[in-house]
N, C-alpha and C. Protein backbone atom coordinates (compact mmCIF):
# COMPACT_ATOMS: atom_id res chain seq x y z
N MET A 1 -6.76 -8.99 10.24
CA MET A 1 -7.39 -7.97 11.09
C MET A 1 -8.65 -8.56 11.69
N ASN A 2 -8.86 -8.28 12.95
CA ASN A 2 -10.10 -8.76 13.56
C ASN A 2 -11.12 -7.63 13.60
N GLN A 3 -12.31 -7.99 14.01
CA GLN A 3 -13.43 -7.04 14.02
C GLN A 3 -13.14 -5.83 14.90
N LYS A 4 -12.52 -6.04 16.04
CA LYS A 4 -12.25 -4.93 16.96
C LYS A 4 -11.25 -3.93 16.34
N GLU A 5 -10.21 -4.45 15.68
CA GLU A 5 -9.23 -3.57 15.04
C GLU A 5 -9.87 -2.73 13.93
N ILE A 6 -10.74 -3.35 13.14
CA ILE A 6 -11.41 -2.63 12.06
C ILE A 6 -12.32 -1.56 12.63
N ARG A 7 -13.07 -1.89 13.68
CA ARG A 7 -13.97 -0.92 14.32
C ARG A 7 -13.17 0.27 14.86
N GLU A 8 -12.04 0.00 15.53
CA GLU A 8 -11.22 1.08 16.06
C GLU A 8 -10.65 1.94 14.93
N LEU A 9 -10.24 1.30 13.85
CA LEU A 9 -9.71 2.04 12.71
C LEU A 9 -10.77 2.96 12.12
N ILE A 10 -11.98 2.46 11.94
CA ILE A 10 -13.05 3.28 11.37
C ILE A 10 -13.39 4.44 12.31
N GLU A 11 -13.46 4.17 13.61
CA GLU A 11 -13.72 5.25 14.57
C GLU A 11 -12.63 6.31 14.52
N PHE A 12 -11.37 5.90 14.39
CA PHE A 12 -10.25 6.84 14.29
C PHE A 12 -10.37 7.68 13.02
N LEU A 13 -10.71 7.04 11.89
CA LEU A 13 -10.84 7.77 10.63
C LEU A 13 -11.96 8.80 10.70
N VAL A 14 -13.07 8.44 11.34
CA VAL A 14 -14.18 9.38 11.51
C VAL A 14 -13.76 10.52 12.43
N GLU A 15 -13.09 10.18 13.54
CA GLU A 15 -12.66 11.20 14.50
C GLU A 15 -11.70 12.21 13.86
N LYS A 16 -10.78 11.74 13.04
CA LYS A 16 -9.79 12.61 12.40
C LYS A 16 -10.29 13.17 11.07
N ASP A 17 -11.53 12.84 10.69
CA ASP A 17 -12.16 13.32 9.46
C ASP A 17 -11.33 12.98 8.23
N ILE A 18 -10.85 11.72 8.17
CA ILE A 18 -10.09 11.24 7.03
C ILE A 18 -11.08 10.66 6.04
N ALA A 19 -11.04 11.12 4.79
CA ALA A 19 -12.03 10.73 3.79
C ALA A 19 -11.71 9.39 3.13
N GLU A 20 -10.43 9.06 2.96
CA GLU A 20 -10.09 7.82 2.28
C GLU A 20 -8.84 7.21 2.89
N PHE A 21 -8.82 5.87 3.00
CA PHE A 21 -7.73 5.17 3.65
C PHE A 21 -7.59 3.79 3.01
N GLU A 22 -6.35 3.35 2.80
CA GLU A 22 -6.12 2.02 2.24
C GLU A 22 -5.02 1.34 3.03
N LEU A 23 -5.21 0.04 3.30
CA LEU A 23 -4.25 -0.74 4.09
C LEU A 23 -4.12 -2.12 3.49
N GLU A 24 -2.90 -2.59 3.35
CA GLU A 24 -2.65 -3.96 2.93
C GLU A 24 -1.86 -4.63 4.03
N ARG A 25 -2.40 -5.75 4.51
CA ARG A 25 -1.72 -6.51 5.57
C ARG A 25 -1.78 -7.97 5.17
N GLY A 26 -0.66 -8.52 4.77
CA GLY A 26 -0.63 -9.91 4.34
C GLY A 26 -1.49 -10.10 3.11
N ASP A 27 -2.46 -11.01 3.21
CA ASP A 27 -3.32 -11.30 2.07
C ASP A 27 -4.64 -10.55 2.12
N ILE A 28 -4.75 -9.56 3.00
CA ILE A 28 -5.99 -8.79 3.12
C ILE A 28 -5.72 -7.34 2.72
N LYS A 29 -6.62 -6.83 1.89
CA LYS A 29 -6.53 -5.44 1.46
C LYS A 29 -7.79 -4.74 1.95
N LEU A 30 -7.63 -3.64 2.67
CA LEU A 30 -8.75 -2.89 3.23
C LEU A 30 -8.74 -1.49 2.63
N HIS A 31 -9.88 -1.10 2.08
CA HIS A 31 -10.02 0.23 1.48
C HIS A 31 -11.27 0.88 2.08
N VAL A 32 -11.10 2.01 2.76
CA VAL A 32 -12.21 2.74 3.37
C VAL A 32 -12.30 4.09 2.68
N LYS A 33 -13.51 4.40 2.21
CA LYS A 33 -13.73 5.69 1.56
C LYS A 33 -15.01 6.27 2.13
N ARG A 34 -14.90 7.44 2.75
CA ARG A 34 -16.06 8.10 3.34
C ARG A 34 -16.57 9.15 2.37
N LEU A 35 -17.86 9.13 2.15
CA LEU A 35 -18.50 10.19 1.37
C LEU A 35 -18.91 11.26 2.36
N LEU A 36 -18.39 12.45 2.22
CA LEU A 36 -18.64 13.49 3.20
C LEU A 36 -20.08 13.98 3.18
N ALA A 37 -20.77 13.93 2.04
CA ALA A 37 -22.17 14.33 1.99
C ALA A 37 -23.02 13.31 2.74
N ALA A 38 -22.76 12.04 2.52
CA ALA A 38 -23.43 10.98 3.27
C ALA A 38 -22.50 10.60 4.41
N VAL A 39 -23.04 10.27 5.55
CA VAL A 39 -22.22 10.03 6.73
C VAL A 39 -21.56 8.66 6.70
N ALA A 40 -22.08 7.72 5.92
CA ALA A 40 -21.59 6.34 5.96
C ALA A 40 -20.32 6.16 5.13
N PRO A 41 -19.28 5.51 5.72
CA PRO A 41 -18.10 5.19 4.93
C PRO A 41 -18.38 3.96 4.07
N VAL A 42 -17.72 3.90 2.92
CA VAL A 42 -17.82 2.74 2.07
C VAL A 42 -16.57 1.92 2.32
N VAL A 43 -16.74 0.66 2.67
CA VAL A 43 -15.61 -0.18 3.04
C VAL A 43 -15.56 -1.39 2.12
N HIS A 44 -14.40 -1.61 1.51
CA HIS A 44 -14.20 -2.78 0.65
C HIS A 44 -13.05 -3.58 1.23
N VAL A 45 -13.25 -4.87 1.40
CA VAL A 45 -12.17 -5.75 1.82
C VAL A 45 -12.07 -6.85 0.77
N ALA A 46 -10.92 -6.92 0.13
CA ALA A 46 -10.73 -7.93 -0.90
C ALA A 46 -9.42 -8.65 -0.63
N PRO A 47 -9.48 -9.94 -0.26
CA PRO A 47 -8.23 -10.66 -0.04
C PRO A 47 -7.49 -10.88 -1.35
N ALA A 48 -6.18 -10.71 -1.32
CA ALA A 48 -5.37 -10.96 -2.50
C ALA A 48 -5.34 -12.44 -2.81
N VAL A 49 -5.32 -13.27 -1.75
CA VAL A 49 -5.36 -14.72 -1.86
C VAL A 49 -6.49 -15.18 -0.96
N ALA A 50 -7.28 -16.13 -1.41
CA ALA A 50 -8.41 -16.61 -0.59
C ALA A 50 -7.89 -17.13 0.74
N ALA A 51 -8.39 -16.57 1.82
CA ALA A 51 -8.00 -16.98 3.16
C ALA A 51 -9.26 -17.27 3.96
N PRO A 52 -9.25 -18.31 4.81
CA PRO A 52 -10.47 -18.67 5.54
C PRO A 52 -10.95 -17.56 6.47
N VAL A 53 -10.06 -16.74 7.01
CA VAL A 53 -10.46 -15.69 7.94
C VAL A 53 -11.02 -14.48 7.21
N ALA A 54 -10.70 -14.32 5.94
CA ALA A 54 -11.09 -13.12 5.19
C ALA A 54 -12.60 -12.93 5.17
N SER A 55 -13.39 -13.99 5.12
CA SER A 55 -14.84 -13.82 5.06
C SER A 55 -15.38 -13.21 6.34
N LEU A 56 -14.75 -13.48 7.47
CA LEU A 56 -15.19 -12.85 8.71
C LEU A 56 -14.86 -11.37 8.71
N ASP A 57 -13.70 -11.01 8.17
CA ASP A 57 -13.29 -9.61 8.14
C ASP A 57 -14.15 -8.78 7.20
N VAL A 58 -14.68 -9.39 6.14
CA VAL A 58 -15.52 -8.66 5.21
C VAL A 58 -16.74 -8.11 5.94
N ALA A 59 -17.42 -8.92 6.73
CA ALA A 59 -18.60 -8.46 7.46
C ALA A 59 -18.22 -7.48 8.55
N ALA A 60 -17.10 -7.73 9.19
CA ALA A 60 -16.69 -6.85 10.28
C ALA A 60 -16.30 -5.48 9.76
N ALA A 61 -15.91 -5.40 8.49
CA ALA A 61 -15.45 -4.14 7.94
C ALA A 61 -16.56 -3.35 7.27
N SER A 62 -17.82 -3.74 7.47
CA SER A 62 -18.88 -3.10 6.73
C SER A 62 -19.83 -2.24 7.57
N PRO A 63 -19.37 -1.65 8.67
CA PRO A 63 -20.31 -0.82 9.42
C PRO A 63 -20.58 0.50 8.72
N ARG A 64 -21.77 1.02 8.95
CA ARG A 64 -22.10 2.35 8.47
C ARG A 64 -22.23 3.24 9.70
N ILE A 65 -21.59 4.37 9.68
CA ILE A 65 -21.66 5.31 10.78
C ILE A 65 -22.88 6.18 10.56
N SER A 66 -23.74 6.30 11.55
CA SER A 66 -24.95 7.09 11.37
C SER A 66 -25.10 8.10 12.50
N THR A 67 -24.22 9.09 12.51
CA THR A 67 -24.29 10.08 13.57
C THR A 67 -25.31 11.16 13.27
N ALA A 68 -25.35 11.66 12.05
CA ALA A 68 -26.28 12.73 11.72
C ALA A 68 -27.65 12.20 11.32
N ALA A 69 -27.73 10.97 10.86
CA ALA A 69 -29.00 10.43 10.38
C ALA A 69 -30.04 10.38 11.47
N GLY A 70 -29.65 10.08 12.70
CA GLY A 70 -30.61 9.96 13.80
C GLY A 70 -31.24 11.29 14.16
N THR A 71 -30.56 12.40 13.92
CA THR A 71 -31.11 13.69 14.30
C THR A 71 -32.17 14.17 13.33
N SER A 72 -32.04 13.83 12.06
CA SER A 72 -32.99 14.35 11.09
C SER A 72 -34.28 13.55 11.06
N SER A 73 -34.27 12.27 11.42
CA SER A 73 -35.48 11.47 11.35
C SER A 73 -35.83 10.88 12.70
N GLY A 74 -35.58 11.59 13.75
CA GLY A 74 -35.82 11.09 15.09
C GLY A 74 -37.27 10.75 15.34
N ALA A 75 -38.22 11.56 14.86
CA ALA A 75 -39.63 11.31 15.11
C ALA A 75 -40.11 10.10 14.32
N ALA A 76 -39.63 9.94 13.10
CA ALA A 76 -40.07 8.83 12.26
C ALA A 76 -39.55 7.51 12.78
N SER A 77 -38.36 7.49 13.36
CA SER A 77 -37.79 6.23 13.81
C SER A 77 -37.87 6.07 15.32
N GLY A 78 -38.69 6.83 15.99
CA GLY A 78 -38.79 6.77 17.44
C GLY A 78 -39.18 5.40 17.95
N SER A 79 -40.01 4.66 17.21
CA SER A 79 -40.42 3.34 17.67
C SER A 79 -39.30 2.32 17.51
N GLN A 80 -38.32 2.58 16.64
CA GLN A 80 -37.24 1.64 16.39
C GLN A 80 -36.01 1.94 17.25
N SER A 81 -35.91 3.13 17.82
CA SER A 81 -34.72 3.48 18.56
C SER A 81 -34.70 2.77 19.91
N PRO A 82 -33.50 2.41 20.40
CA PRO A 82 -33.40 1.70 21.67
C PRO A 82 -33.69 2.63 22.84
N PRO A 83 -34.12 2.08 23.96
CA PRO A 83 -34.34 2.92 25.13
C PRO A 83 -33.00 3.46 25.64
N GLU A 84 -33.01 4.68 26.07
CA GLU A 84 -31.79 5.28 26.60
C GLU A 84 -31.53 4.74 28.01
N VAL A 85 -30.25 4.69 28.39
CA VAL A 85 -29.89 4.24 29.71
C VAL A 85 -30.08 5.40 30.68
N PRO A 86 -30.98 5.28 31.68
CA PRO A 86 -31.14 6.36 32.65
C PRO A 86 -29.84 6.58 33.41
N PRO A 87 -29.33 7.81 33.48
CA PRO A 87 -28.02 8.05 34.06
C PRO A 87 -27.93 7.72 35.55
N ALA A 88 -28.97 7.98 36.34
CA ALA A 88 -28.88 7.76 37.78
C ALA A 88 -28.90 6.27 38.13
N GLU A 89 -29.85 5.54 37.57
CA GLU A 89 -30.04 4.14 37.93
C GLU A 89 -28.95 3.22 37.36
N ASP A 90 -28.53 3.47 36.13
CA ASP A 90 -27.63 2.57 35.45
C ASP A 90 -26.28 3.19 35.14
N ALA A 91 -25.84 4.11 35.95
CA ALA A 91 -24.57 4.78 35.69
C ALA A 91 -23.39 3.82 35.78
N ASP A 92 -23.54 2.74 36.54
CA ASP A 92 -22.43 1.80 36.72
C ASP A 92 -22.42 0.68 35.67
N LEU A 93 -23.32 0.74 34.68
CA LEU A 93 -23.38 -0.29 33.66
C LEU A 93 -22.37 -0.03 32.55
N PHE A 94 -21.73 -1.10 32.09
CA PHE A 94 -20.91 -1.04 30.89
C PHE A 94 -21.83 -1.40 29.74
N VAL A 95 -21.97 -0.52 28.77
CA VAL A 95 -22.89 -0.74 27.66
C VAL A 95 -22.13 -1.34 26.48
N VAL A 96 -22.55 -2.54 26.06
CA VAL A 96 -21.99 -3.18 24.87
C VAL A 96 -22.78 -2.64 23.68
N LYS A 97 -22.07 -2.04 22.73
CA LYS A 97 -22.71 -1.43 21.57
C LYS A 97 -22.44 -2.24 20.32
N SER A 98 -23.34 -2.13 19.36
CA SER A 98 -23.21 -2.85 18.11
C SER A 98 -22.04 -2.28 17.30
N PRO A 99 -21.12 -3.14 16.88
CA PRO A 99 -20.00 -2.67 16.08
C PRO A 99 -20.34 -2.56 14.59
N ILE A 100 -21.52 -3.08 14.21
CA ILE A 100 -21.91 -3.10 12.80
C ILE A 100 -23.41 -2.93 12.66
N VAL A 101 -23.85 -2.68 11.44
CA VAL A 101 -25.26 -2.61 11.10
C VAL A 101 -25.70 -4.01 10.71
N GLY A 102 -26.83 -4.45 11.21
CA GLY A 102 -27.30 -5.78 10.85
C GLY A 102 -28.54 -6.17 11.62
N THR A 103 -28.75 -7.48 11.77
CA THR A 103 -29.90 -8.03 12.50
C THR A 103 -29.40 -8.76 13.73
N PHE A 104 -29.99 -8.44 14.89
CA PHE A 104 -29.60 -8.99 16.19
C PHE A 104 -30.26 -10.35 16.40
N TYR A 105 -29.47 -11.35 16.78
CA TYR A 105 -29.98 -12.67 17.15
C TYR A 105 -29.41 -13.06 18.50
N GLU A 106 -30.28 -13.45 19.41
CA GLU A 106 -29.85 -13.79 20.76
C GLU A 106 -29.40 -15.24 20.91
N ALA A 107 -29.64 -16.08 19.89
CA ALA A 107 -29.29 -17.49 19.94
C ALA A 107 -28.54 -17.90 18.68
N PRO A 108 -27.78 -18.99 18.75
CA PRO A 108 -27.01 -19.42 17.58
C PRO A 108 -27.87 -19.94 16.43
N SER A 109 -29.09 -20.39 16.74
CA SER A 109 -30.00 -20.87 15.69
C SER A 109 -31.43 -20.79 16.22
N PRO A 110 -32.41 -20.77 15.33
CA PRO A 110 -33.81 -20.73 15.79
C PRO A 110 -34.12 -21.94 16.67
N GLY A 111 -34.79 -21.71 17.78
CA GLY A 111 -35.14 -22.78 18.70
C GLY A 111 -34.07 -23.09 19.73
N ALA A 112 -32.86 -22.60 19.54
CA ALA A 112 -31.78 -22.83 20.50
C ALA A 112 -31.91 -21.83 21.65
N PRO A 113 -31.40 -22.19 22.83
CA PRO A 113 -31.45 -21.24 23.95
C PRO A 113 -30.56 -20.03 23.66
N PRO A 114 -30.92 -18.85 24.21
CA PRO A 114 -30.09 -17.66 23.97
C PRO A 114 -28.69 -17.82 24.57
N PHE A 115 -27.75 -17.07 24.00
CA PHE A 115 -26.39 -17.08 24.53
C PHE A 115 -26.38 -16.62 25.98
N VAL A 116 -27.09 -15.52 26.26
CA VAL A 116 -27.17 -14.98 27.62
C VAL A 116 -28.56 -14.44 27.89
N ARG A 117 -28.90 -14.36 29.18
CA ARG A 117 -30.16 -13.77 29.63
C ARG A 117 -29.83 -12.75 30.71
N VAL A 118 -30.80 -11.88 31.00
CA VAL A 118 -30.62 -10.92 32.09
C VAL A 118 -30.39 -11.71 33.38
N GLY A 119 -29.36 -11.33 34.13
CA GLY A 119 -29.01 -12.01 35.36
C GLY A 119 -27.87 -13.01 35.21
N ASP A 120 -27.52 -13.37 33.98
CA ASP A 120 -26.41 -14.31 33.75
C ASP A 120 -25.07 -13.63 33.99
N SER A 121 -24.13 -14.40 34.55
CA SER A 121 -22.75 -13.93 34.68
C SER A 121 -22.03 -14.19 33.37
N VAL A 122 -21.21 -13.23 32.95
CA VAL A 122 -20.44 -13.38 31.72
C VAL A 122 -18.98 -13.05 31.98
N GLU A 123 -18.13 -13.66 31.20
CA GLU A 123 -16.70 -13.40 31.27
C GLU A 123 -16.28 -12.62 30.03
N GLU A 124 -15.22 -11.87 30.14
CA GLU A 124 -14.70 -11.13 28.99
C GLU A 124 -14.40 -12.11 27.87
N GLY A 125 -14.86 -11.81 26.66
CA GLY A 125 -14.65 -12.67 25.51
C GLY A 125 -15.76 -13.68 25.26
N GLN A 126 -16.72 -13.78 26.20
CA GLN A 126 -17.84 -14.70 26.03
C GLN A 126 -18.81 -14.15 24.99
N VAL A 127 -19.35 -15.02 24.13
CA VAL A 127 -20.29 -14.61 23.09
C VAL A 127 -21.61 -14.21 23.73
N LEU A 128 -22.09 -13.02 23.37
CA LEU A 128 -23.36 -12.50 23.90
C LEU A 128 -24.50 -12.66 22.91
N CYS A 129 -24.20 -12.50 21.62
CA CYS A 129 -25.23 -12.55 20.59
C CYS A 129 -24.56 -12.68 19.23
N ILE A 130 -25.39 -12.71 18.22
CA ILE A 130 -24.90 -12.71 16.83
C ILE A 130 -25.57 -11.55 16.11
N ILE A 131 -24.80 -10.86 15.29
CA ILE A 131 -25.38 -9.85 14.41
C ILE A 131 -25.10 -10.31 12.98
N GLU A 132 -26.19 -10.49 12.24
CA GLU A 132 -26.07 -10.90 10.84
C GLU A 132 -25.90 -9.65 9.99
N ALA A 133 -24.86 -9.64 9.18
CA ALA A 133 -24.62 -8.54 8.26
C ALA A 133 -24.16 -9.14 6.94
N MET A 134 -24.84 -8.81 5.87
CA MET A 134 -24.49 -9.30 4.54
C MET A 134 -24.40 -10.84 4.51
N LYS A 135 -25.36 -11.48 5.16
CA LYS A 135 -25.49 -12.94 5.22
C LYS A 135 -24.35 -13.62 5.95
N LEU A 136 -23.56 -12.87 6.72
CA LEU A 136 -22.51 -13.44 7.55
C LEU A 136 -22.88 -13.24 9.00
N MET A 137 -22.66 -14.26 9.82
CA MET A 137 -22.99 -14.20 11.24
C MET A 137 -21.75 -13.75 12.02
N ASN A 138 -21.87 -12.62 12.72
CA ASN A 138 -20.77 -12.04 13.48
C ASN A 138 -21.06 -12.19 14.96
N GLU A 139 -20.20 -12.92 15.67
CA GLU A 139 -20.38 -13.11 17.10
C GLU A 139 -19.93 -11.84 17.82
N ILE A 140 -20.77 -11.35 18.74
CA ILE A 140 -20.44 -10.18 19.54
C ILE A 140 -20.06 -10.69 20.92
N GLU A 141 -18.88 -10.31 21.37
CA GLU A 141 -18.35 -10.81 22.63
C GLU A 141 -18.40 -9.75 23.71
N ALA A 142 -18.46 -10.23 24.97
CA ALA A 142 -18.42 -9.33 26.13
C ALA A 142 -17.04 -8.69 26.21
N GLU A 143 -17.02 -7.39 26.43
CA GLU A 143 -15.75 -6.67 26.55
C GLU A 143 -15.28 -6.59 27.99
N VAL A 144 -16.19 -6.91 28.92
CA VAL A 144 -15.87 -6.91 30.35
C VAL A 144 -16.55 -8.11 31.00
N SER A 145 -16.07 -8.49 32.18
CA SER A 145 -16.72 -9.54 32.97
C SER A 145 -17.74 -8.88 33.88
N GLY A 146 -18.85 -9.59 34.12
CA GLY A 146 -19.87 -9.04 35.01
C GLY A 146 -21.17 -9.81 34.88
N VAL A 147 -22.28 -9.12 35.17
CA VAL A 147 -23.61 -9.71 35.13
C VAL A 147 -24.46 -8.92 34.13
N ILE A 148 -25.18 -9.62 33.27
CA ILE A 148 -26.07 -8.96 32.32
C ILE A 148 -27.21 -8.30 33.10
N ALA A 149 -27.26 -6.97 33.07
CA ALA A 149 -28.29 -6.23 33.80
C ALA A 149 -29.45 -5.84 32.89
N LYS A 150 -29.16 -5.58 31.62
CA LYS A 150 -30.20 -5.16 30.67
C LYS A 150 -29.89 -5.68 29.28
N MET A 151 -30.97 -5.96 28.55
CA MET A 151 -30.87 -6.23 27.12
C MET A 151 -31.67 -5.13 26.44
N PHE A 152 -31.05 -4.39 25.56
CA PHE A 152 -31.69 -3.24 24.93
C PHE A 152 -32.37 -3.58 23.61
N VAL A 153 -32.11 -4.78 23.06
CA VAL A 153 -32.60 -5.14 21.74
C VAL A 153 -33.31 -6.48 21.80
N GLY A 154 -34.39 -6.61 21.05
CA GLY A 154 -35.12 -7.87 20.98
C GLY A 154 -34.62 -8.74 19.84
N ASN A 155 -34.86 -10.04 19.95
CA ASN A 155 -34.41 -11.00 18.95
C ASN A 155 -35.01 -10.67 17.58
N GLY A 156 -34.16 -10.69 16.56
CA GLY A 156 -34.60 -10.42 15.19
C GLY A 156 -34.71 -8.94 14.85
N SER A 157 -34.35 -8.07 15.77
CA SER A 157 -34.45 -6.63 15.54
C SER A 157 -33.27 -6.10 14.73
N PRO A 158 -33.52 -5.10 13.88
CA PRO A 158 -32.40 -4.47 13.18
C PRO A 158 -31.62 -3.59 14.16
N VAL A 159 -30.30 -3.56 13.98
CA VAL A 159 -29.45 -2.72 14.83
C VAL A 159 -28.58 -1.84 13.95
N GLU A 160 -28.22 -0.69 14.47
CA GLU A 160 -27.34 0.26 13.79
C GLU A 160 -25.98 0.25 14.48
N TYR A 161 -25.00 0.81 13.82
CA TYR A 161 -23.68 0.97 14.40
C TYR A 161 -23.77 1.83 15.65
N GLY A 162 -23.17 1.38 16.74
CA GLY A 162 -23.15 2.15 17.98
C GLY A 162 -24.40 2.01 18.84
N MET A 163 -25.36 1.23 18.42
CA MET A 163 -26.60 1.05 19.17
C MET A 163 -26.35 0.17 20.40
N PRO A 164 -26.87 0.54 21.57
CA PRO A 164 -26.69 -0.29 22.77
C PRO A 164 -27.35 -1.65 22.61
N LEU A 165 -26.63 -2.71 22.99
CA LEU A 165 -27.15 -4.06 22.94
C LEU A 165 -27.41 -4.62 24.34
N PHE A 166 -26.39 -4.51 25.20
CA PHE A 166 -26.46 -5.05 26.55
C PHE A 166 -25.90 -4.06 27.55
N GLY A 167 -26.42 -4.11 28.78
CA GLY A 167 -25.84 -3.39 29.90
C GLY A 167 -25.25 -4.41 30.85
N ILE A 168 -23.95 -4.34 31.11
CA ILE A 168 -23.27 -5.29 31.99
C ILE A 168 -22.83 -4.57 33.25
N ARG A 169 -23.23 -5.10 34.39
CA ARG A 169 -22.78 -4.57 35.68
C ARG A 169 -21.46 -5.26 36.00
N LYS A 170 -20.38 -4.49 36.00
CA LYS A 170 -19.05 -5.06 36.23
C LYS A 170 -18.94 -5.61 37.65
N ARG A 171 -18.10 -6.64 37.77
CA ARG A 171 -17.85 -7.23 39.10
C ARG A 171 -16.80 -6.45 39.83
């Protein structure tokens, strides 16, 4: 399973209000259990046999959904929340959102040039940034081709699930 499939599965489970789900595919076992009192699902991925790809899926399967948390502590976290996209000016932007909770990095290593900058042209599938989650580096790719119009997050900043990262003006 890749990161996109896991993200879509979790979004589907939240949408359908499914509390617990288990899937076995080959050597990967995925178990998702949502605590209804707390909004975040608990996700466990344990490969039956050690597989090189399994370590990537572990980080990709660990997002926490925080839909209600933002409403109760909006004033306390106002300085940490990303700027909203103004509807009139940026209505044509495709917003790339964080698929996981973690730390945003704009470059592959400290001192290296960023993957992309505002004004750069990007192709679908091109790496835009890295989000570190549970000491694993997850590459976030462009979902559309276009030009980077906005960056909503600064280097080294914490990000939440669903938080805007980039605004891409489609070609």
